[in-house]
PDB file of N, CA and C in Angstrom:
ATOM      1  N   UNK A   1      13.487  12.587   3.222  1.00  0.00           N
ATOM      2  CA  UNK A   1      13.201  12.363   1.828  1.00  0.00           C
ATOM      3  C   UNK A   1      11.983  11.038   1.295  1.00  0.00           C
ATOM      4  N   UNK A   2      11.348  11.322   0.367  1.00  0.00           N
ATOM      5  CA  UNK A   2      10.336  10.993  -0.221  1.00  0.00           C
ATOM      6  C   UNK A   2      10.099   9.680  -0.820  1.00  0.00           C
ATOM      7  N   UNK A   3       9.232   8.789  -0.830  1.00  0.00           N
ATOM      8  CA  UNK A   3       9.697   7.697  -1.707  1.00  0.00           C
ATOM      9  C   UNK A   3       9.021   7.527  -3.106  1.00  0.00           C
ATOM     10  N   UNK A   4       9.614   7.153  -3.497  1.00  0.00           N
ATOM     11  CA  UNK A   4       8.988   7.053  -5.116  1.00  0.00           C
ATOM     12  C   UNK A   4       7.997   5.706  -5.149  1.00  0.00           C
ATOM     13  N   UNK A   5       6.743   6.112  -6.493  1.00  0.00           N
ATOM     14  CA  UNK A   5       6.022   5.020  -6.672  1.00  0.00           C
ATOM     15  C   UNK A   5       6.390   3.121  -6.883  1.00  0.00           C
ATOM     16  N   UNK A   6       7.257   3.336  -7.471  1.00  0.00           N
ATOM     17  CA  UNK A   6       7.998   1.657  -7.415  1.00  0.00           C
ATOM     18  C   UNK A   6       8.427   1.380  -6.368  1.00  0.00           C
ATOM     19  N   UNK A   7       9.059   1.841  -5.159  1.00  0.00           N
ATOM     20  CA  UNK A   7      10.061   2.010  -4.443  1.00  0.00           C
ATOM     21  C   UNK A   7       8.344   1.549  -3.252  1.00  0.00           C
ATOM     22  N   UNK A   8       7.364   1.746  -3.482  1.00  0.00           N
ATOM     23  CA  UNK A   8       5.761   1.512  -2.518  1.00  0.00           C
ATOM     24  C   UNK A   8       5.628   0.297  -3.170  1.00  0.00           C
ATOM     25  N   UNK A   9       5.327   0.313  -4.460  1.00  0.00           N
ATOM     26  CA  UNK A   9       5.382  -1.004  -4.860  1.00  0.00           C
ATOM     27  C   UNK A   9       5.486  -2.333  -4.549  1.00  0.00           C
ATOM     28  N   UNK A  10       6.822  -2.053  -4.706  1.00  0.00           N
ATOM     29  CA  UNK A  10       7.871  -3.355  -4.340  1.00  0.00           C
ATOM     30  C   UNK A  10       7.876  -4.034  -2.834  1.00  0.00           C
ATOM     31  N   UNK A  11       7.732  -3.042  -1.978  1.00  0.00           N
ATOM     32  CA  UNK A  11       7.478  -3.049  -0.686  1.00  0.00           C
ATOM     33  C   UNK A  11       6.007  -4.164  -0.235  1.00  0.00           C
ATOM     34  N   UNK A  12       5.236  -3.163  -1.634  1.00  0.00           N
ATOM     35  CA  UNK A  12       4.175  -3.867  -0.673  1.00  0.00           C
ATOM     36  C   UNK A  12       3.950  -4.806  -1.550  1.00  0.00           C
ATOM     37  N   UNK A  13       4.771  -5.561  -2.473  1.00  0.00           N
ATOM     38  CA  UNK A  13       4.129  -6.685  -2.720  1.00  0.00           C
ATOM     39  C   UNK A  13       5.471  -7.915  -2.423  1.00  0.00           C
ATOM     40  N   UNK A  14       6.362  -7.712  -1.922  1.00  0.00           N
ATOM     41  CA  UNK A  14       7.928  -8.112  -0.863  1.00  0.00           C
ATOM     42  C   UNK A  14       6.470  -8.516   0.372  1.00  0.00           C
ATOM     43  N   UNK A  15       5.918  -7.758   0.521  1.00  0.00           N
ATOM     44  CA  UNK A  15       5.278  -8.257   2.127  1.00  0.00           C
ATOM     45  C   UNK A  15       3.536  -8.983   1.628  1.00  0.00           C
ATOM     46  N   UNK A  16       3.455  -9.015   0.359  1.00  0.00           N
ATOM     47  CA  UNK A  16       1.963  -9.354   0.239  1.00  0.00           C
ATOM     48  C   UNK A  16       2.381 -10.203  -1.140  1.00  0.00           C
ATOM     49  N   UNK A  17       2.937 -10.857  -1.399  1.00  0.00           N
ATOM     50  CA  UNK A  17       2.893 -11.470  -2.713  1.00  0.00           C
ATOM     51  C   UNK A  17       1.982 -11.807  -4.171  1.00  0.00           C
ATOM     52  N   UNK A  18       0.583 -11.716  -3.398  1.00  0.00           N
ATOM     53  CA  UNK A  18      -0.102 -12.281  -4.458  1.00  0.00           C
ATOM     54  C   UNK A  18      -0.922 -10.899  -4.999  1.00  0.00           C
ATOM     55  N   UNK A  19      -0.303 -10.016  -4.330  1.00  0.00           N
ATOM     56  CA  UNK A  19      -0.949  -8.382  -4.356  1.00  0.00           C
ATOM     57  C   UNK A  19      -1.013  -7.763  -5.609  1.00  0.00           C
ATOM     58  N   UNK A  20      -1.968  -7.884  -5.855  1.00  0.00           N
ATOM     59  CA  UNK A  20      -2.331  -6.409  -7.106  1.00  0.00           C
ATOM     60  C   UNK A  20      -1.888  -4.932  -6.617  1.00  0.00           C
ATOM     61  N   UNK A  21      -1.505  -4.673  -7.218  1.00  0.00           N
ATOM     62  CA  UNK A  21      -0.777  -3.014  -6.574  1.00  0.00           C
ATOM     63  C   UNK A  21      -0.758  -1.664  -7.426  1.00  0.00           C
ATOM     64  N   UNK A  22      -2.273  -1.139  -7.084  1.00  0.00           N
ATOM     65  CA  UNK A  22      -1.459   0.281  -8.628  1.00  0.00           C
ATOM     66  C   UNK A  22      -0.864   1.543  -7.117  1.00  0.00           C
ATOM     67  N   UNK A  23      -0.355   2.544  -8.073  1.00  0.00           N
ATOM     68  CA  UNK A  23      -0.072   3.636  -6.999  1.00  0.00           C
ATOM     69  C   UNK A  23      -0.567   4.856  -7.652  1.00  0.00           C
ATOM     70  N   UNK A  24      -0.867   5.929  -7.687  1.00  0.00           N
ATOM     71  CA  UNK A  24      -0.691   6.583  -7.852  1.00  0.00           C
ATOM     72  C   UNK A  24      -0.432   7.830  -7.218  1.00  0.00           C
ATOM     73  N   UNK A  25       0.278   8.820  -7.735  1.00  0.00           N
ATOM     74  CA  UNK A  25       1.012  10.233  -7.401  1.00  0.00           C
ATOM     75  C   UNK A  25       0.142  10.984  -7.064  1.00  0.00           C
ATOM     76  N   UNK A  26      -0.983  11.434  -6.491  1.00  0.00           N
ATOM     77  CA  UNK A  26      -1.290  12.416  -6.136  1.00  0.00           C
ATOM     78  C   UNK A  26      -1.368  14.168  -6.415  1.00  0.00           C
ATOM     79  N   UNK A  27      -0.214  14.204  -5.802  1.00  0.00           N
ATOM     80  CA  UNK A  27       0.132  16.265  -6.151  1.00  0.00           C
ATOM     81  C   UNK A  27       1.505  16.367  -7.022  1.00  0.00           C
ATOM     82  N   UNK A  28       1.845  14.670  -7.683  1.00  0.00           N
ATOM     83  CA  UNK A  28       2.742  15.232  -8.466  1.00  0.00           C
ATOM     84  C   UNK A  28       4.702  15.637  -7.752  1.00  0.00           C
ATOM     85  N   UNK A  29       4.741  14.947  -6.595  1.00  0.00           N
ATOM     86  CA  UNK A  29       5.383  15.721  -5.661  1.00  0.00           C
ATOM     87  C   UNK A  29       6.171  14.750  -5.066  1.00  0.00           C
ATOM     88  N   UNK A  30       5.627  13.306  -4.727  1.00  0.00           N
ATOM     89  CA  UNK A  30       6.724  12.201  -4.264  1.00  0.00           C
ATOM     90  C   UNK A  30       6.344  12.108  -2.817  1.00  0.00           C
ATOM     91  N   UNK A  31       4.953  12.466  -2.597  1.00  0.00           N
ATOM     92  CA  UNK A  31       5.217  12.361  -1.296  1.00  0.00           C
ATOM     93  C   UNK A  31       3.551  12.074  -0.464  1.00  0.00           C
ATOM     94  N   UNK A  32       2.716  13.015  -1.537  1.00  0.00           N
ATOM     95  CA  UNK A  32       1.490  11.952  -1.700  1.00  0.00           C
ATOM     96  C   UNK A  32       0.098  11.248  -2.475  1.00  0.00           C
ATOM     97  N   UNK A  33       0.302  10.332  -1.977  1.00  0.00           N
ATOM     98  CA  UNK A  33      -0.315   8.988  -2.920  1.00  0.00           C
ATOM     99  C   UNK A  33      -1.122   7.852  -2.302  1.00  0.00           C
ATOM    100  N   UNK A  34      -2.105   7.373  -3.679  1.00  0.00           N
ATOM    101  CA  UNK A  34      -3.127   6.937  -3.323  1.00  0.00           C
ATOM    102  C   UNK A  34      -2.864   5.464  -3.775  1.00  0.00           C
ATOM    103  N   UNK A  35      -3.078   3.793  -3.174  1.00  0.00           N
ATOM    104  CA  UNK A  35      -2.879   2.957  -3.042  1.00  0.00           C
ATOM    105  C   UNK A  35      -4.273   2.640  -3.085  1.00  0.00           C
ATOM    106  N   UNK A  36      -3.885   1.193  -4.178  1.00  0.00           N
ATOM    107  CA  UNK A  36      -5.452   0.218  -4.639  1.00  0.00           C
ATOM    108  C   UNK A  36      -4.364  -1.506  -4.515  1.00  0.00           C
ATOM    109  N   UNK A  37      -5.071  -2.214  -3.781  1.00  0.00           N
ATOM    110  CA  UNK A  37      -4.372  -3.051  -2.990  1.00  0.00           C
ATOM    111  C   UNK A  37      -5.235  -4.415  -3.019  1.00  0.00           C
ATOM    112  N   UNK A  38      -5.360  -5.448  -3.891  1.00  0.00           N
ATOM    113  CA  UNK A  38      -6.339  -5.950  -3.843  1.00  0.00           C
ATOM    114  C   UNK A  38      -5.304  -7.342  -3.844  1.00  0.00           C
ATOM    115  N   UNK A  39      -5.304  -8.174  -2.938  1.00  0.00           N
ATOM    116  CA  UNK A  39      -4.603  -9.100  -2.427  1.00  0.00           C
ATOM    117  C   UNK A  39      -6.265 -10.492  -1.579  1.00  0.00           C
ATOM    118  N   UNK A  40      -5.748 -11.727  -2.044  1.00  0.00           N
ATOM    119  CA  UNK A  40      -6.497 -12.594  -1.416  1.00  0.00           C
ATOM    120  C   UNK A  40      -5.912 -13.392   0.472  1.00  0.00           C
ATOM    121  N   UNK A  41      -4.883 -12.160   0.675  1.00  0.00           N
ATOM    122  CA  UNK A  41      -4.193 -12.637   1.951  1.00  0.00           C
ATOM    123  C   UNK A  41      -5.528 -11.711   3.065  1.00  0.00           C
ATOM    124  N   UNK A  42      -6.353 -11.100   2.191  1.00  0.00           N
ATOM    125  CA  UNK A  42      -7.384  -9.861   2.912  1.00  0.00           C
ATOM    126  C   UNK A  42      -8.672 -10.544   3.032  1.00  0.00           C
ATOM    127  N   UNK A  43      -8.573 -11.659   2.981  1.00  0.00           N
ATOM    128  CA  UNK A  43      -9.963 -12.340   2.887  1.00  0.00           C
ATOM    129  C   UNK A  43     -10.344 -13.109   5.094  1.00  0.00           C
ATOM    130  N   UNK A  44     -11.735 -12.390   4.890  1.00  0.00           N
ATOM    131  CA  UNK A  44     -11.924 -12.119   6.329  1.00  0.00           C
ATOM    132  C   UNK A  44     -11.443 -11.764   7.389  1.00  0.00           C
ATOM    133  N   UNK A  45     -10.710 -10.344   7.628  1.00  0.00           N
ATOM    134  CA  UNK A  45      -9.995  -9.516   7.961  1.00  0.00           C
ATOM    135  C   UNK A  45     -10.768  -7.838   7.648  1.00  0.00           C
ATOM    136  N   UNK A  46     -10.625  -7.271   8.460  1.00  0.00           N
ATOM    137  CA  UNK A  46     -11.634  -6.008   8.800  1.00  0.00           C
ATOM    138  C   UNK A  46     -10.484  -5.355   7.689  1.00  0.00           C
ATOM    139  N   UNK A  47     -11.066  -4.181   7.451  1.00  0.00           N
ATOM    140  CA  UNK A  47     -10.546  -3.048   6.674  1.00  0.00           C
ATOM    141  C   UNK A  47      -9.225  -2.221   7.557  1.00  0.00           C
ATOM    142  N   UNK A  48      -9.425  -2.548   9.090  1.00  0.00           N
ATOM    143  CA  UNK A  48      -8.543  -1.780   9.795  1.00  0.00           C
ATOM    144  C   UNK A  48      -7.491  -2.665   9.390  1.00  0.00           C
ATOM    145  N   UNK A  49      -7.578  -4.361   9.354  1.00  0.00           N
ATOM    146  CA  UNK A  49      -6.607  -5.382   9.926  1.00  0.00           C
ATOM    147  C   UNK A  49      -5.907  -5.340   7.807  1.00  0.00           C
ATOM    148  N   UNK A  50      -6.588  -5.136   7.423  1.00  0.00           N
ATOM    149  CA  UNK A  50      -6.137  -5.055   5.963  1.00  0.00           C
ATOM    150  C   UNK A  50      -5.463  -3.790   5.875  1.00  0.00           C
ATOM    151  N   UNK A  51      -5.483  -2.664   6.679  1.00  0.00           N
ATOM    152  CA  UNK A  51      -4.652  -1.491   6.220  1.00  0.00           C
ATOM    153  C   UNK A  51      -3.328  -1.978   6.818  1.00  0.00           C
ATOM    154  N   UNK A  52      -3.273  -2.807   7.848  1.00  0.00           N
ATOM    155  CA  UNK A  52      -2.629  -2.847   8.399  1.00  0.00           C
ATOM    156  C   UNK A  52      -1.578  -3.538   8.455  1.00  0.00           C
ATOM    157  N   UNK A  53      -1.958  -4.210   7.444  1.00  0.00           N
ATOM    158  CA  UNK A  53      -1.395  -5.864   6.556  1.00  0.00           C
ATOM    159  C   UNK A  53      -0.367  -4.929   5.548  1.00  0.00           C
ATOM    160  N   UNK A  54      -0.630  -4.223   4.825  1.00  0.00           N
ATOM    161  CA  UNK A  54      -0.384  -3.077   4.202  1.00  0.00           C
ATOM    162  C   UNK A  54       1.231  -2.063   4.894  1.00  0.00           C
ATOM    163  N   UNK A  55       0.493  -1.515   6.013  1.00  0.00           N
ATOM    164  CA  UNK A  55       1.717  -0.830   6.886  1.00  0.00           C
ATOM    165  C   UNK A  55       3.085  -1.171   7.322  1.00  0.00           C
ATOM    166  N   UNK A  56       2.745  -2.506   7.719  1.00  0.00           N
ATOM    167  CA  UNK A  56       3.691  -3.696   7.985  1.00  0.00           C
ATOM    168  C   UNK A  56       4.352  -4.530   6.639  1.00  0.00           C
ATOM    169  N   UNK A  57       3.955  -4.278   5.586  1.00  0.00           N
ATOM    170  CA  UNK A  57       4.536  -4.142   4.832  1.00  0.00           C
ATOM    171  C   UNK A  57       5.620  -3.117   4.355  1.00  0.00           C
ATOM    172  N   UNK A  58       5.163  -2.108   4.679  1.00  0.00           N
ATOM    173  CA  UNK A  58       6.123  -0.136   4.646  1.00  0.00           C
ATOM    174  C   UNK A  58       6.791   0.120   5.438  1.00  0.00           C
ATOM    175  N   UNK A  59       6.806  -1.237   6.085  1.00  0.00           N
ATOM    176  CA  UNK A  59       8.565  -1.589   7.066  1.00  0.00           C
ATOM    177  C   UNK A  59       8.843  -0.460   8.049  1.00  0.00           C
ATOM    178  N   UNK A  60       7.736   0.725   8.608  1.00  0.00           N
ATOM    179  CA  UNK A  60       7.907   1.544   8.537  1.00  0.00           C
ATOM    180  C   UNK A  60       8.048   2.809   8.398  1.00  0.00           C
ATOM    181  N   UNK A  61       7.909   2.747   7.181  1.00  0.00           N
ATOM    182  CA  UNK A  61       8.033   4.370   6.230  1.00  0.00           C
ATOM    183  C   UNK A  61       7.203   4.706   6.144  1.00  0.00           C
ATOM    184  N   UNK A  62       6.365   4.883   6.536  1.00  0.00           N
ATOM    185  CA  UNK A  62       5.054   5.197   7.082  1.00  0.00           C
ATOM    186  C   UNK A  62       5.191   6.521   7.465  1.00  0.00           C
ATOM    187  N   UNK A  63       5.031   8.308   7.602  1.00  0.00           N
ATOM    188  CA  UNK A  63       4.941   8.774   8.553  1.00  0.00           C
ATOM    189  C   UNK A  63       7.018   9.965   8.136  1.00  0.00           C
ATOM    190  N   UNK A  64       7.191   9.176   7.794  1.00  0.00           N
ATOM    191  CA  UNK A  64       8.922   9.346   7.930  1.00  0.00           C
ATOM    192  C   UNK A  64       9.226   9.645   6.199  1.00  0.00           C
ATOM    193  N   UNK A  65       9.605   8.194   5.885  1.00  0.00           N
ATOM    194  CA  UNK A  65       9.648   8.265   4.200  1.00  0.00           C
ATOM    195  C   UNK A  65       8.619   8.856   3.087  1.00  0.00           C
ATOM    196  N   UNK A  66       7.215   8.288   3.662  1.00  0.00           N
ATOM    197  CA  UNK A  66       5.922   7.914   3.160  1.00  0.00           C
ATOM    198  C   UNK A  66       5.485   8.673   3.187  1.00  0.00           C
ATOM    199  N   UNK A  67       4.472  10.650   3.407  1.00  0.00           N
ATOM    200  CA  UNK A  67       3.554  11.418   4.375  1.00  0.00           C
ATOM    201  C   UNK A  67       2.609  11.279   4.414  1.00  0.00           C
ATOM    202  N   UNK A  68       1.726  10.355   2.708  1.00  0.00           N
ATOM    203  CA  UNK A  68       0.696  10.451   2.967  1.00  0.00           C
ATOM    204  C   UNK A  68       0.472   9.243   2.237  1.00  0.00           C
ATOM    205  N   UNK A  69      -0.724   8.050   2.571  1.00  0.00           N
ATOM    206  CA  UNK A  69      -0.922   7.257   1.888  1.00  0.00           C
ATOM    207  C   UNK A  69      -2.932   7.255   1.734  1.00  0.00           C
ATOM    208  N   UNK A  70      -3.085   7.295   0.971  1.00  0.00           N
ATOM    209  CA  UNK A  70      -4.544   7.313   0.658  1.00  0.00           C
ATOM    210  C   UNK A  70      -4.791   5.694   0.522  1.00  0.00           C
ATOM    211  N   UNK A  71      -5.507   4.743   1.384  1.00  0.00           N
ATOM    212  CA  UNK A  71      -4.895   3.509   0.392  1.00  0.00           C
ATOM    213  C   UNK A  71      -6.628   2.671   0.949  1.00  0.00           C
ATOM    214  N   UNK A  72      -6.795   1.844  -0.376  1.00  0.00           N
ATOM    215  CA  UNK A  72      -7.938   1.021  -0.575  1.00  0.00           C
ATOM    216  C   UNK A  72      -7.847  -0.428  -0.827  1.00  0.00           C
ATOM    217  N   UNK A  73      -8.347  -1.248   0.363  1.00  0.00           N
ATOM    218  CA  UNK A  73      -8.057  -2.367   0.058  1.00  0.00           C
ATOM    219  C   UNK A  73      -9.057  -3.608  -0.569  1.00  0.00           C
ATOM    220  N   UNK A  74      -8.721  -4.396  -0.964  1.00  0.00           N
ATOM    221  CA  UNK A  74      -9.806  -5.583  -1.582  1.00  0.00           C
ATOM    222  C   UNK A  74      -9.457  -6.600  -1.460  1.00  0.00           C
ATOM    223  N   UNK A  75     -10.804  -7.693  -1.367  1.00  0.00           N
ATOM    224  CA  UNK A  75     -10.267  -8.857  -2.194  1.00  0.00           C
ATOM    225  C   UNK A  75      -9.960  -9.123  -3.022  1.00  0.00           C
ATOM    226  N   UNK A  76      -9.990 -10.154  -4.129  1.00  0.00           N
ATOM    227  CA  UNK A  76     -10.330 -10.268  -5.486  1.00  0.00           C
ATOM    228  C   UNK A  76     -11.699 -11.027  -5.691  1.00  0.00           C
ATOM    229  N   UNK A  77     -12.175 -10.314  -6.680  1.00  0.00           N
ATOM    230  CA  UNK A  77     -13.142 -11.397  -6.590  1.00  0.00           C
ATOM    231  C   UNK A  77     -12.887 -12.632  -7.807  1.00  0.00           C
ATOM    232  N   UNK A  78     -14.494 -13.542  -6.985  1.00  0.00           N
ATOM    233  CA  UNK A  78     -14.028 -14.838  -7.189  1.00  0.00           C
ATOM    234  C   UNK A  78     -14.406 -15.287  -8.843  1.00  0.00           C
TER     235      UNK A  78
END
């Protein structure tokens, strides 16, 4: 069962409440997405740690309901 973009965005926002999130369905199949997540919570974290925070927000759905997610993370510009 695939996830829709709105559900991905909702889960990320719940896990990272200050996040700005943009989601793109890469193939139109509801199974391959790109996400850009900007959050102050990422400040001081490595890129790997930032991605782990997003995956944690997805609550174990990565690899099952969500097949592929091209992820880009960053901190807000001051």
